[in-house]
Amino acid sequence: MAGARGWGPAHKVIKEAVIAFDRSPRRDDRVRVNERIRVREIRVIDDAGQQLGIMAPPQALAIAKQKGLDLVEISPTAVPPVCRIMDFGKYQYQEQKRAREARRHQKVIEVKEIKFRPKVDEHDYQFKKKHIERFLSDGDKVKATIFFRGREMAHPEIGRRILERLIAELAEVAVPETMPRQEGNQMHTILTQKVGRKTAPRPASREGAAPRAEATAAATTEEP
């Protein structure tokens, strides 16, 4: 019982400390606008891009309100901070539009894995090679992996020949980022699109997504 009484208060103190931490104020990184600008003085630019000079925030805010606009802090680290008179709603819309455009043009490279067995037949080999070509044309990298089981581990040269054949046959569209190497019961190489090859545009619509997913699953399924 003494041990339980000793543990109870200590446990309570720890719990209270966590609650206190969760309720601590968080730093606000949002753009400061109008009355939220609480520095002594600011450098003001009007809606036409003209410098209005250094003044107190209430004076600049009065000018903005006369024009039916907002006072927006655009450079908080400057001395003094720089504020601009503008339509803040329009400013937010333009910033969000720029962010969407940046995400749209951002290139995300994935590493797709295609699995082979040492005893892969010609039909399966060609089927999986076509998937590798498609992944490369989409701008992704491909990890081609050979899985060894049991006695197959005694003949790693079989898996190496498959990967070397793959590299040779895809030489026009791909280059090996890593040469075939064995790690445990696996041997793999990573292929990337050859410089100068055009990347095929990714489909924007959801139509055809299911067949693509099924084909990808078939390509990455390990052979029995």
C-alpha atoms as a PDB file:
ATOM      1  CA  MET A   1       0.000   0.000   0.000  1.00  0.00           C
ATOM      2  CA  ALA A   2       2.890   2.336   0.809  1.00  0.00           C
ATOM      3  CA  GLY A   3       4.227   1.848  -2.720  1.00  0.00           C
ATOM      4  CA  ALA A   4       0.823   2.646  -4.183  1.00  0.00           C
ATOM      5  CA  ARG A   5       0.494   5.795  -2.035  1.00  0.00           C
ATOM      6  CA  GLY A   6       3.951   6.882  -3.156  1.00  0.00           C
ATOM      7  CA  TRP A   7       3.151   6.332  -6.837  1.00  0.00           C
ATOM      8  CA  GLY A   8      -0.206   8.128  -6.841  1.00  0.00           C
ATOM      9  CA  PRO A   9       0.984  11.741  -6.150  1.00  0.00           C
ATOM     10  CA  ALA A  10       3.965  11.369  -8.475  1.00  0.00           C
ATOM     11  CA  HIS A  11       1.718  10.173 -11.277  1.00  0.00           C
ATOM     12  CA  LYS A  12      -0.601  13.105 -10.682  1.00  0.00           C
ATOM     13  CA  VAL A  13       2.262  15.626 -10.906  1.00  0.00           C
ATOM     14  CA  ILE A  14       3.400  14.191 -14.257  1.00  0.00           C
ATOM     15  CA  LYS A  15      -0.136  14.347 -15.655  1.00  0.00           C
ATOM     16  CA  GLU A  16      -0.557  17.947 -14.561  1.00  0.00           C
ATOM     17  CA  ALA A  17       2.757  18.878 -16.205  1.00  0.00           C
ATOM     18  CA  VAL A  18       1.583  17.442 -19.530  1.00  0.00           C
ATOM     19  CA  ILE A  19      -1.686  19.363 -19.361  1.00  0.00           C
ATOM     20  CA  ALA A  20       0.177  22.573 -18.596  1.00  0.00           C
ATOM     21  CA  PHE A  21       2.430  22.020 -21.632  1.00  0.00           C
ATOM     22  CA  ASP A  22      -0.517  21.343 -23.957  1.00  0.00           C
ATOM     23  CA  ARG A  23      -2.163  24.606 -22.915  1.00  0.00           C
ATOM     24  CA  SER A  24       0.905  26.759 -23.441  1.00  0.00           C
ATOM     25  CA  PRO A  25       0.474  29.594 -25.961  1.00  0.00           C
ATOM     26  CA  ARG A  26       1.650  28.895 -29.488  1.00  0.00           C
ATOM     27  CA  ARG A  27       3.613  31.255 -31.694  1.00  0.00           C
ATOM     28  CA  ASP A  28       1.386  32.865 -34.317  1.00  0.00           C
ATOM     29  CA  ASP A  29       2.989  32.858 -37.782  1.00  0.00           C
ATOM     30  CA  ARG A  30       0.026  34.399 -39.580  1.00  0.00           C
ATOM     31  CA  VAL A  31       0.318  37.684 -41.479  1.00  0.00           C
ATOM     32  CA  ARG A  32      -0.506  40.602 -39.194  1.00  0.00           C
ATOM     33  CA  VAL A  33      -3.250  42.882 -40.507  1.00  0.00           C
ATOM     34  CA  ASN A  34      -4.791  46.184 -39.394  1.00  0.00           C
ATOM     35  CA  GLU A  35      -5.169  46.394 -35.579  1.00  0.00           C
ATOM     36  CA  ARG A  36      -2.933  43.331 -35.095  1.00  0.00           C
ATOM     37  CA  ILE A  37       0.088  45.403 -36.166  1.00  0.00           C
ATOM     38  CA  ARG A  38       1.291  46.624 -32.766  1.00  0.00           C
ATOM     39  CA  VAL A  39       4.783  48.003 -33.297  1.00  0.00           C
ATOM     40  CA  ARG A  40       5.800  51.585 -32.592  1.00  0.00           C
ATOM     41  CA  GLU A  41       6.335  52.618 -36.219  1.00  0.00           C
ATOM     42  CA  ILE A  42       6.205  51.135 -39.700  1.00  0.00           C
ATOM     43  CA  ARG A  43       7.300  51.946 -43.225  1.00  0.00           C
ATOM     44  CA  VAL A  44       4.207  52.283 -45.392  1.00  0.00           C
ATOM     45  CA  ILE A  45       3.653  51.600 -49.095  1.00  0.00           C
ATOM     46  CA  ASP A  46       0.308  52.552 -50.572  1.00  0.00           C
ATOM     47  CA  ASP A  47      -1.839  50.520 -52.962  1.00  0.00           C
ATOM     48  CA  ALA A  48      -0.160  52.178 -55.972  1.00  0.00           C
ATOM     49  CA  GLY A  49       3.322  51.165 -54.797  1.00  0.00           C
ATOM     50  CA  GLN A  50       4.281  54.641 -53.609  1.00  0.00           C
ATOM     51  CA  GLN A  51       6.353  55.112 -50.454  1.00  0.00           C
ATOM     52  CA  LEU A  52       4.396  57.036 -47.823  1.00  0.00           C
ATOM     53  CA  GLY A  53       7.280  57.071 -45.364  1.00  0.00           C
ATOM     54  CA  ILE A  54       7.563  56.000 -41.717  1.00  0.00           C
ATOM     55  CA  MET A  55       4.583  56.525 -39.435  1.00  0.00           C
ATOM     56  CA  ALA A  56       2.671  55.015 -36.529  1.00  0.00           C
ATOM     57  CA  PRO A  57       0.356  52.079 -37.359  1.00  0.00           C
ATOM     58  CA  PRO A  58      -2.873  53.943 -36.372  1.00  0.00           C
ATOM     59  CA  GLN A  59      -2.041  56.725 -38.852  1.00  0.00           C
ATOM     60  CA  ALA A  60      -1.378  54.226 -41.654  1.00  0.00           C
ATOM     61  CA  LEU A  61      -4.519  52.276 -40.763  1.00  0.00           C
ATOM     62  CA  ALA A  62      -6.605  55.446 -41.032  1.00  0.00           C
ATOM     63  CA  ILE A  63      -5.265  55.999 -44.573  1.00  0.00           C
ATOM     64  CA  ALA A  64      -6.090  52.394 -45.504  1.00  0.00           C
ATOM     65  CA  LYS A  65      -9.641  52.653 -44.152  1.00  0.00           C
ATOM     66  CA  GLN A  66     -10.223  55.861 -46.111  1.00  0.00           C
ATOM     67  CA  LYS A  67      -9.536  53.838 -49.269  1.00  0.00           C
ATOM     68  CA  GLY A  68     -11.619  50.882 -48.118  1.00  0.00           C
ATOM     69  CA  LEU A  69      -8.475  48.696 -47.934  1.00  0.00           C
ATOM     70  CA  ASP A  70      -6.364  46.904 -45.315  1.00  0.00           C
ATOM     71  CA  LEU A  71      -2.967  47.534 -43.770  1.00  0.00           C
ATOM     72  CA  VAL A  72      -0.885  44.384 -44.246  1.00  0.00           C
ATOM     73  CA  GLU A  73       2.550  43.658 -42.765  1.00  0.00           C
ATOM     74  CA  ILE A  74       4.613  42.274 -45.653  1.00  0.00           C
ATOM     75  CA  SER A  75       8.119  42.393 -44.144  1.00  0.00           C
ATOM     76  CA  PRO A  76       7.987  41.919 -40.353  1.00  0.00           C
ATOM     77  CA  THR A  77      11.770  41.473 -39.975  1.00  0.00           C
ATOM     78  CA  ALA A  78      12.678  44.813 -41.561  1.00  0.00           C
ATOM     79  CA  VAL A  79      13.574  47.791 -39.358  1.00  0.00           C
ATOM     80  CA  PRO A  80      11.044  49.274 -39.155  1.00  0.00           C
ATOM     81  CA  PRO A  81       8.595  46.617 -40.418  1.00  0.00           C
ATOM     82  CA  VAL A  82       7.206  47.253 -43.905  1.00  0.00           C
ATOM     83  CA  CYS A  83       3.442  47.391 -44.364  1.00  0.00           C
ATOM     84  CA  ARG A  84       1.399  47.832 -47.497  1.00  0.00           C
ATOM     85  CA  ILE A  85      -2.089  49.180 -48.084  1.00  0.00           C
ATOM     86  CA  MET A  86      -4.008  46.581 -50.093  1.00  0.00           C
ATOM     87  CA  ASP A  87      -7.078  44.396 -50.367  1.00  0.00           C
ATOM     88  CA  PHE A  88      -6.109  41.615 -47.941  1.00  0.00           C
ATOM     89  CA  GLY A  89      -8.738  39.202 -49.270  1.00  0.00           C
ATOM     90  CA  LYS A  90      -7.365  39.548 -52.791  1.00  0.00           C
ATOM     91  CA  TYR A  91      -3.812  39.191 -51.441  1.00  0.00           C
ATOM     92  CA  GLN A  92      -4.721  35.901 -49.701  1.00  0.00           C
ATOM     93  CA  TYR A  93      -6.356  34.581 -52.883  1.00  0.00           C
ATOM     94  CA  GLN A  94      -3.264  35.377 -54.957  1.00  0.00           C
ATOM     95  CA  GLU A  95      -0.959  33.729 -52.397  1.00  0.00           C
ATOM     96  CA  GLN A  96      -3.093  30.577 -52.370  1.00  0.00           C
ATOM     97  CA  LYS A  97      -3.150  30.540 -56.182  1.00  0.00           C
ATOM     98  CA  ARG A  98       0.661  30.805 -56.306  1.00  0.00           C
ATOM     99  CA  ALA A  99       0.972  27.974 -53.786  1.00  0.00           C
ATOM    100  CA  ARG A 100      -1.341  25.754 -55.866  1.00  0.00           C
ATOM    101  CA  GLU A 101       0.657  26.506 -59.011  1.00  0.00           C
ATOM    102  CA  ALA A 102       3.897  25.648 -57.228  1.00  0.00           C
ATOM    103  CA  ARG A 103       2.480  22.317 -56.041  1.00  0.00           C
ATOM    104  CA  ARG A 104       1.156  21.558 -59.525  1.00  0.00           C
ATOM    105  CA  HIS A 105       4.598  21.990 -61.078  1.00  0.00           C
ATOM    106  CA  GLN A 106       6.420  20.185 -58.292  1.00  0.00           C
ATOM    107  CA  LYS A 107       7.902  16.922 -59.511  1.00  0.00           C
ATOM    108  CA  VAL A 108       7.426  14.008 -57.119  1.00  0.00           C
ATOM    109  CA  ILE A 109       9.620  11.026 -57.918  1.00  0.00           C
ATOM    110  CA  GLU A 110       8.537   7.664 -56.548  1.00  0.00           C
ATOM    111  CA  VAL A 111      10.531   4.438 -56.424  1.00  0.00           C
ATOM    112  CA  LYS A 112       8.473   1.568 -57.820  1.00  0.00           C
ATOM    113  CA  GLU A 113       9.565  -2.001 -57.114  1.00  0.00           C
ATOM    114  CA  ILE A 114       9.280  -4.818 -59.632  1.00  0.00           C
ATOM    115  CA  LYS A 115       9.945  -8.308 -58.273  1.00  0.00           C
ATOM    116  CA  PHE A 116      11.441 -11.211 -60.205  1.00  0.00           C
ATOM    117  CA  ARG A 117      12.250 -14.795 -59.299  1.00  0.00           C
ATOM    118  CA  PRO A 118      15.398 -16.521 -60.631  1.00  0.00           C
ATOM    119  CA  LYS A 119      13.186 -18.926 -62.612  1.00  0.00           C
ATOM    120  CA  VAL A 120      11.076 -16.200 -64.233  1.00  0.00           C
ATOM    121  CA  ASP A 121       9.694 -17.302 -67.602  1.00  0.00           C
ATOM    122  CA  GLU A 122       9.996 -15.188 -70.738  1.00  0.00           C
ATOM    123  CA  HIS A 123       6.353 -14.054 -70.749  1.00  0.00           C
ATOM    124  CA  ASP A 124       6.503 -12.726 -67.168  1.00  0.00           C
ATOM    125  CA  TYR A 125       9.877 -11.122 -67.829  1.00  0.00           C
ATOM    126  CA  GLN A 126       8.558  -9.189 -70.827  1.00  0.00           C
ATOM    127  CA  PHE A 127       5.360  -8.260 -68.967  1.00  0.00           C
ATOM    128  CA  LYS A 128       7.318  -6.781 -66.069  1.00  0.00           C
ATOM    129  CA  LYS A 129       9.801  -5.068 -68.346  1.00  0.00           C
ATOM    130  CA  LYS A 130       6.924  -3.187 -69.989  1.00  0.00           C
ATOM    131  CA  HIS A 131       5.792  -1.983 -66.580  1.00  0.00           C
ATOM    132  CA  ILE A 132       9.301  -0.790 -65.828  1.00  0.00           C
ATOM    133  CA  GLU A 133       9.314   1.175 -69.087  1.00  0.00           C
ATOM    134  CA  ARG A 134       5.973   2.748 -68.192  1.00  0.00           C
ATOM    135  CA  PHE A 135       7.123   3.713 -64.690  1.00  0.00           C
ATOM    136  CA  LEU A 136      10.279   5.260 -66.140  1.00  0.00           C
ATOM    137  CA  SER A 137       8.261   7.213 -68.720  1.00  0.00           C
ATOM    138  CA  ASP A 138       6.172   8.595 -65.831  1.00  0.00           C
ATOM    139  CA  GLY A 139       9.371   9.991 -64.328  1.00  0.00           C
ATOM    140  CA  ASP A 140       9.646   7.462 -61.489  1.00  0.00           C
ATOM    141  CA  LYS A 141      12.595   5.318 -60.520  1.00  0.00           C
ATOM    142  CA  VAL A 142      12.344   1.528 -60.529  1.00  0.00           C
ATOM    143  CA  LYS A 143      13.898  -0.950 -58.135  1.00  0.00           C
ATOM    144  CA  ALA A 144      14.185  -4.307 -59.899  1.00  0.00           C
ATOM    145  CA  THR A 145      14.568  -7.040 -57.282  1.00  0.00           C
ATOM    146  CA  ILE A 146      15.410 -10.735 -57.531  1.00  0.00           C
ATOM    147  CA  PHE A 147      14.183 -12.892 -54.628  1.00  0.00           C
ATOM    148  CA  PHE A 148      16.072 -16.100 -53.836  1.00  0.00           C
ATOM    149  CA  ARG A 149      14.623 -19.034 -51.901  1.00  0.00           C
ATOM    150  CA  GLY A 150      16.322 -22.031 -50.394  1.00  0.00           C
ATOM    151  CA  ARG A 151      18.830 -23.592 -52.799  1.00  0.00           C
ATOM    152  CA  GLU A 152      18.482 -20.659 -55.187  1.00  0.00           C
ATOM    153  CA  MET A 153      20.808 -18.786 -52.824  1.00  0.00           C
ATOM    154  CA  ALA A 154      23.654 -20.993 -54.079  1.00  0.00           C
ATOM    155  CA  HIS A 155      23.321 -19.546 -57.599  1.00  0.00           C
ATOM    156  CA  PRO A 156      23.270 -15.733 -57.344  1.00  0.00           C
ATOM    157  CA  GLU A 157      24.714 -15.514 -60.865  1.00  0.00           C
ATOM    158  CA  ILE A 158      21.276 -16.431 -62.258  1.00  0.00           C
ATOM    159  CA  GLY A 159      19.698 -13.379 -60.688  1.00  0.00           C
ATOM    160  CA  ARG A 160      22.619 -11.205 -61.744  1.00  0.00           C
ATOM    161  CA  ARG A 161      22.184 -12.301 -65.375  1.00  0.00           C
ATOM    162  CA  ILE A 162      18.487 -11.309 -65.252  1.00  0.00           C
ATOM    163  CA  LEU A 163      19.286  -7.831 -63.942  1.00  0.00           C
ATOM    164  CA  GLU A 164      22.167  -7.339 -66.364  1.00  0.00           C
ATOM    165  CA  ARG A 165      19.884  -8.361 -69.243  1.00  0.00           C
ATOM    166  CA  LEU A 166      17.280  -5.887 -68.016  1.00  0.00           C
ATOM    167  CA  ILE A 167      19.843  -3.060 -67.868  1.00  0.00           C
ATOM    168  CA  ALA A 168      21.080  -3.866 -71.375  1.00  0.00           C
ATOM    169  CA  GLU A 169      17.599  -4.075 -72.928  1.00  0.00           C
ATOM    170  CA  LEU A 170      16.503  -0.800 -71.306  1.00  0.00           C
ATOM    171  CA  ALA A 171      19.709   1.056 -72.168  1.00  0.00           C
ATOM    172  CA  GLU A 172      17.892   3.440 -74.536  1.00  0.00           C
ATOM    173  CA  VAL A 173      15.450   4.635 -71.861  1.00  0.00           C
ATOM    174  CA  ALA A 174      17.177   4.017 -68.530  1.00  0.00           C
ATOM    175  CA  VAL A 175      20.480   4.059 -66.730  1.00  0.00           C
ATOM    176  CA  PRO A 176      21.314   2.030 -63.612  1.00  0.00           C
ATOM    177  CA  GLU A 177      21.647   4.215 -60.552  1.00  0.00           C
ATOM    178  CA  THR A 178      23.158   1.213 -58.761  1.00  0.00           C
ATOM    179  CA  MET A 179      24.609  -1.910 -60.318  1.00  0.00           C
ATOM    180  CA  PRO A 180      23.191  -5.308 -59.275  1.00  0.00           C
ATOM    181  CA  ARG A 181      24.146  -6.104 -55.698  1.00  0.00           C
ATOM    182  CA  GLN A 182      23.041  -8.761 -53.248  1.00  0.00           C
ATOM    183  CA  GLU A 183      21.711  -8.142 -49.756  1.00  0.00           C
ATOM    184  CA  GLY A 184      20.642 -11.289 -47.938  1.00  0.00           C
ATOM    185  CA  ASN A 185      18.212 -13.263 -50.085  1.00  0.00           C
ATOM    186  CA  GLN A 186      17.675 -10.352 -52.466  1.00  0.00           C
ATOM    187  CA  MET A 187      19.595  -8.817 -55.343  1.00  0.00           C
ATOM    188  CA  HIS A 188      18.521  -5.510 -56.825  1.00  0.00           C
ATOM    189  CA  THR A 189      19.363  -2.620 -59.104  1.00  0.00           C
ATOM    190  CA  ILE A 190      17.758   0.823 -59.263  1.00  0.00           C
ATOM    191  CA  LEU A 191      16.941   2.229 -62.695  1.00  0.00           C
ATOM    192  CA  THR A 192      16.267   5.874 -63.458  1.00  0.00           C
ATOM    193  CA  GLN A 193      15.087   7.586 -66.634  1.00  0.00           C
ATOM    194  CA  LYS A 194      17.833   8.455 -69.076  1.00  0.00           C
ATOM    195  CA  VAL A 195      18.691  12.151 -69.293  1.00  0.00           C
ATOM    196  CA  GLY A 196      16.993  13.774 -72.268  1.00  0.00           C
ATOM    197  CA  ARG A 197      14.004  11.428 -72.320  1.00  0.00           C
ATOM    198  CA  LYS A 198      10.625  13.153 -72.105  1.00  0.00           C
ATOM    199  CA  THR A 199       8.434  12.319 -69.141  1.00  0.00           C
ATOM    200  CA  ALA A 200       4.894  11.330 -70.042  1.00  0.00           C
ATOM    201  CA  PRO A 201       2.218  13.550 -68.423  1.00  0.00           C
ATOM    202  CA  ARG A 202       0.411  11.909 -65.527  1.00  0.00           C
ATOM    203  CA  PRO A 203      -3.347  11.422 -66.077  1.00  0.00           C
ATOM    204  CA  ALA A 204      -5.345  14.050 -64.186  1.00  0.00           C
ATOM    205  CA  SER A 205      -8.688  12.238 -64.191  1.00  0.00           C
ATOM    206  CA  ARG A 206      -9.642   9.292 -62.016  1.00  0.00           C
ATOM    207  CA  GLU A 207     -10.786   7.310 -65.063  1.00  0.00           C
ATOM    208  CA  GLY A 208      -8.487   4.424 -65.713  1.00  0.00           C
ATOM    209  CA  ALA A 209      -7.084   4.562 -62.179  1.00  0.00           C
ATOM    210  CA  ALA A 210      -8.414   1.098 -61.324  1.00  0.00           C
ATOM    211  CA  PRO A 211      -6.844  -0.661 -64.355  1.00  0.00           C
ATOM    212  CA  ARG A 212      -3.546   1.125 -63.639  1.00  0.00           C
ATOM    213  CA  ALA A 213      -3.618   0.035 -60.014  1.00  0.00           C
ATOM    214  CA  GLU A 214      -4.373  -3.557 -61.039  1.00  0.00           C
ATOM    215  CA  ALA A 215      -1.500  -3.552 -63.519  1.00  0.00           C
ATOM    216  CA  THR A 216       0.876  -2.162 -60.907  1.00  0.00           C
ATOM    217  CA  ALA A 217      -0.185  -4.790 -58.407  1.00  0.00           C
ATOM    218  CA  ALA A 218       0.358  -7.503 -60.993  1.00  0.00           C
ATOM    219  CA  ALA A 219       3.808  -6.162 -61.777  1.00  0.00           C
ATOM    220  CA  THR A 220       4.911  -6.044 -58.151  1.00  0.00           C
ATOM    221  CA  THR A 221       3.423  -9.378 -57.118  1.00  0.00           C
ATOM    222  CA  GLU A 222       6.038 -11.966 -56.320  1.00  0.00           C
ATOM    223  CA  GLU A 223       5.904 -15.059 -58.456  1.00  0.00           C
ATOM    224  CA  PRO A 224       5.007 -18.357 -56.796  1.00  0.00           C
END
